[in-house]
Protein backbone atom coordinates (compact mmCIF):
# COMPACT_ATOMS: atom_id res chain seq x y z
CA LYS A 1 174.33 33.11 -5.45
CA SER A 2 174.79 35.13 -2.07
CA ARG A 3 171.23 35.75 -1.62
CA THR A 4 170.26 32.34 -2.06
CA ASN A 5 172.71 31.26 0.75
CA PHE A 6 171.44 33.95 2.87
CA ASN A 7 167.81 32.70 2.26
CA GLN A 8 168.90 28.93 2.82
CA THR A 9 170.92 30.14 6.09
CA LEU A 10 167.60 31.73 7.10
CA LEU A 11 165.55 28.88 6.57
CA VAL A 12 167.89 26.32 8.43
CA SER A 13 168.30 28.41 11.53
CA LEU A 14 164.47 28.38 11.40
CA GLU A 15 163.85 24.89 10.68
CA ALA A 16 166.36 24.24 13.61
CA LYS A 17 163.63 25.99 15.85
CA ASP A 18 160.96 24.00 14.21
CA MET A 19 157.81 26.10 14.25
CA SER A 20 159.21 28.99 16.29
CA ILE A 21 159.03 31.07 13.81
CA THR A 22 155.07 30.76 13.25
CA LYS A 23 154.98 31.84 16.83
CA LEU A 24 156.83 34.77 16.21
CA ALA A 25 155.41 35.96 13.02
CA ARG A 26 151.86 35.73 14.94
CA SER A 27 153.55 38.12 17.83
CA ASN A 28 152.59 41.65 17.87
CA GLY A 29 156.31 42.97 16.85
CA PHE A 30 157.03 40.91 14.05
CA ILE A 31 155.63 42.21 10.84
CA LYS A 32 155.93 46.13 10.44
CA PRO A 33 159.53 46.81 12.49
CA ILE A 34 161.06 44.35 10.51
CA PRO A 35 163.00 45.41 7.45
CA ASN A 36 162.04 44.86 4.29
CA PHE A 37 164.79 42.50 3.25
CA VAL A 38 164.42 40.07 5.94
CA ARG A 39 160.64 39.68 5.06
CA SER A 40 161.65 39.09 1.26
CA SER A 41 164.41 36.85 2.43
CA LEU A 42 161.86 34.73 4.50
CA ARG A 43 159.77 34.73 1.46
CA ASN A 44 162.37 33.82 -1.17
CA ALA A 45 163.75 31.08 1.22
CA PHE A 46 160.46 29.63 1.33
CA VAL A 47 159.64 29.86 -2.55
CA GLU A 48 163.35 28.15 -3.08
CA SER A 49 162.94 25.42 -0.64
CA ASN A 50 159.36 24.37 -2.30
CA GLN A 51 161.12 24.89 -5.83
CA ASN A 52 164.31 22.77 -5.06
CA THR A 53 163.72 18.96 -5.60
CA ASP A 54 166.30 18.12 -3.53
CA SER A 55 165.86 20.22 -1.05
CA PRO A 56 166.36 18.89 2.82
CA TYR A 57 163.36 20.89 4.06
CA LYS A 58 159.95 19.80 4.71
CA PRO A 59 157.52 21.39 2.48
CA LYS A 60 154.34 20.69 4.68
CA LYS A 61 156.11 23.06 7.32
CA HIS A 62 156.96 25.76 4.88
CA HIS A 63 153.12 25.68 3.85
CA ILE A 64 152.18 26.13 7.52
CA LEU A 65 154.61 28.94 8.03
CA ALA A 66 153.50 30.80 4.77
CA THR A 67 149.80 30.10 5.74
CA ASN A 68 150.50 31.61 9.26
CA LEU A 69 152.45 34.72 7.86
CA ILE A 70 149.38 35.35 5.64
CA VAL A 71 147.06 35.44 8.68
CA SER A 72 149.63 37.56 10.29
CA TYR A 73 149.96 40.05 7.17
CA PHE A 74 146.26 40.18 7.35
CA GLU A 75 146.47 41.04 10.93
CA LYS A 76 148.77 43.77 10.66
CA GLY A 77 146.81 45.43 7.45
CA LEU A 78 149.47 44.31 4.94
CA ILE A 79 146.63 42.79 2.67
CA ASP A 80 148.84 43.30 -0.71
CA GLU A 81 151.87 41.27 1.13
CA ALA A 82 149.55 38.45 2.28
CA ARG A 83 148.42 38.40 -1.66
CA SER A 84 151.62 38.36 -2.87
CA LEU A 85 153.08 35.37 -0.65
CA PHE A 86 149.75 33.53 -1.19
CA ASP A 87 150.46 34.17 -4.81
CA GLU A 88 154.10 32.65 -4.25
CA MET A 89 153.00 29.46 -2.86
CA PRO A 90 153.28 26.27 -5.16
CA GLU A 91 150.37 24.52 -3.78
CA ARG A 92 147.28 25.91 -1.83
CA ASP A 93 145.24 23.72 0.40
CA VAL A 94 141.96 24.46 1.70
CA VAL A 95 143.58 26.11 4.83
CA ALA A 96 145.78 28.76 2.64
CA TRP A 97 142.53 29.73 0.54
CA THR A 98 140.47 30.09 3.88
CA ALA A 99 143.43 32.33 5.41
CA MET A 100 143.05 34.66 2.43
CA ILE A 101 139.26 34.52 2.28
CA SER A 102 138.90 35.09 6.07
CA GLY A 103 141.76 37.56 6.17
CA TYR A 104 139.76 39.88 3.44
CA ALA A 105 136.46 39.34 4.94
CA SER A 106 137.99 40.40 8.50
CA SER A 107 139.54 43.37 6.40
CA ASN A 108 136.23 44.36 5.04
CA HIS A 109 137.49 43.62 1.34
CA ASN A 110 134.43 41.62 1.11
CA ALA A 111 134.40 41.64 -2.79
CA ARG A 112 137.94 40.53 -2.75
CA ALA A 113 137.00 37.66 -0.48
CA TRP A 114 134.21 36.53 -2.60
CA GLU A 115 136.40 36.70 -6.04
CA CYS A 116 139.27 34.85 -3.81
CA PHE A 117 136.47 32.17 -2.81
CA ARG A 118 135.00 32.07 -6.83
CA GLU A 119 138.87 31.21 -7.47
CA MET A 120 139.30 28.55 -4.96
CA LEU A 121 136.53 26.69 -6.52
CA ARG A 122 137.61 27.24 -10.01
CA ARG A 123 140.81 25.75 -9.18
CA GLY A 124 139.00 22.79 -7.67
CA THR A 125 139.77 23.10 -3.80
CA ASP A 126 136.46 22.32 -1.88
CA PRO A 127 135.72 24.89 1.09
CA ASN A 128 135.18 23.49 4.59
CA GLU A 129 133.14 25.09 7.03
CA PHE A 130 135.51 27.87 7.84
CA THR A 131 135.92 29.11 4.54
CA LEU A 132 131.84 28.84 4.02
CA SER A 133 131.16 31.20 7.24
CA SER A 134 133.92 33.33 6.06
CA VAL A 135 132.77 33.96 2.67
CA LEU A 136 128.91 34.22 4.19
CA LYS A 137 129.84 37.24 6.52
CA SER A 138 131.27 38.81 3.10
CA CYS A 139 127.99 38.21 1.37
CA ARG A 140 126.25 39.62 4.79
CA ASP A 141 128.48 42.67 4.98
CA MET A 142 127.94 43.52 0.84
CA LYS A 143 124.28 42.53 1.39
CA VAL A 144 124.37 40.52 -1.65
CA LEU A 145 121.60 37.86 -1.15
CA GLY A 146 122.31 36.18 -4.30
CA TYR A 147 125.49 35.59 -3.57
CA GLY A 148 124.85 34.26 -0.08
CA CYS A 149 121.99 31.99 -1.73
CA LEU A 150 124.70 30.52 -4.16
CA VAL A 151 126.91 29.51 -0.83
CA HIS A 152 123.77 28.29 0.76
CA GLY A 153 123.45 25.93 -2.18
CA LEU A 154 126.84 24.66 -1.70
CA VAL A 155 126.40 24.26 1.78
CA VAL A 156 123.60 21.58 0.85
CA LYS A 157 125.76 20.03 -1.54
CA LEU A 158 128.41 19.61 0.65
CA GLY A 159 126.68 18.45 3.44
CA VAL A 160 127.60 20.75 5.93
CA GLU A 161 124.27 22.00 6.99
CA GLY A 162 124.40 21.50 11.00
CA SER A 163 127.74 23.19 11.08
CA LEU A 164 127.40 25.77 14.13
CA TYR A 165 129.56 28.25 12.07
CA VAL A 166 127.92 27.63 9.07
CA ASP A 167 124.37 27.81 10.18
CA ASN A 168 125.17 30.82 12.35
CA ALA A 169 127.02 32.75 8.83
CA LEU A 170 123.68 31.50 7.14
CA MET A 171 121.40 33.04 9.80
CA ASN A 172 123.27 36.31 10.13
CA MET A 173 123.49 36.60 5.97
CA TYR A 174 119.84 36.27 5.63
CA ALA A 175 119.19 38.46 8.39
CA ALA A 176 121.21 41.12 6.96
CA CYS A 177 119.58 40.88 3.79
CA SER A 178 116.15 41.20 5.36
CA VAL A 179 115.07 37.80 4.61
CA THR A 180 112.80 35.98 7.00
CA MET A 181 113.91 32.63 8.21
CA ASP A 182 110.77 31.16 6.53
CA ALA A 183 111.80 32.59 3.35
CA ALA A 184 115.41 31.62 3.87
CA SER A 185 114.25 27.82 4.30
CA SER A 186 112.14 27.74 1.02
CA VAL A 187 115.46 29.03 -0.91
């Protein structure tokens, strides 16, 4: 009970500051020096506010906060913490999925980025151009042409050809896999 009260008090004070916690989470000093119990309390408060249907808090703001914390965890090299928070999110939109996929790709955990991408698709979330460019980066770094071609097919299916991010990622992926642009255009 006292832990729940602490979590709610923490969340109320964060809510009063609007999105200042998001800025704090992205700052250099936030993640590693902060005691584990404070990080845990913040995550628990987030989860509790989303599970409580009578919660006065705005779930969308907490969703944004959680996604920003995920990005911050990846930036600080806390990959398992990012995944743990992601797994606790009651709802995951394309932005949250992209934060995970991009985080894995940027951290050179390319197989995990690919698996996360597949999980996103299985759960029925369509990728956006940023998701696609991140997973294509992973395909490039793994030098797995087959995965890259699958993503290219999805790019065509979703009609996002012509996106600067996606087109650059496709060219880089094909180049890394030693495929000429003539061959890539026939795929």
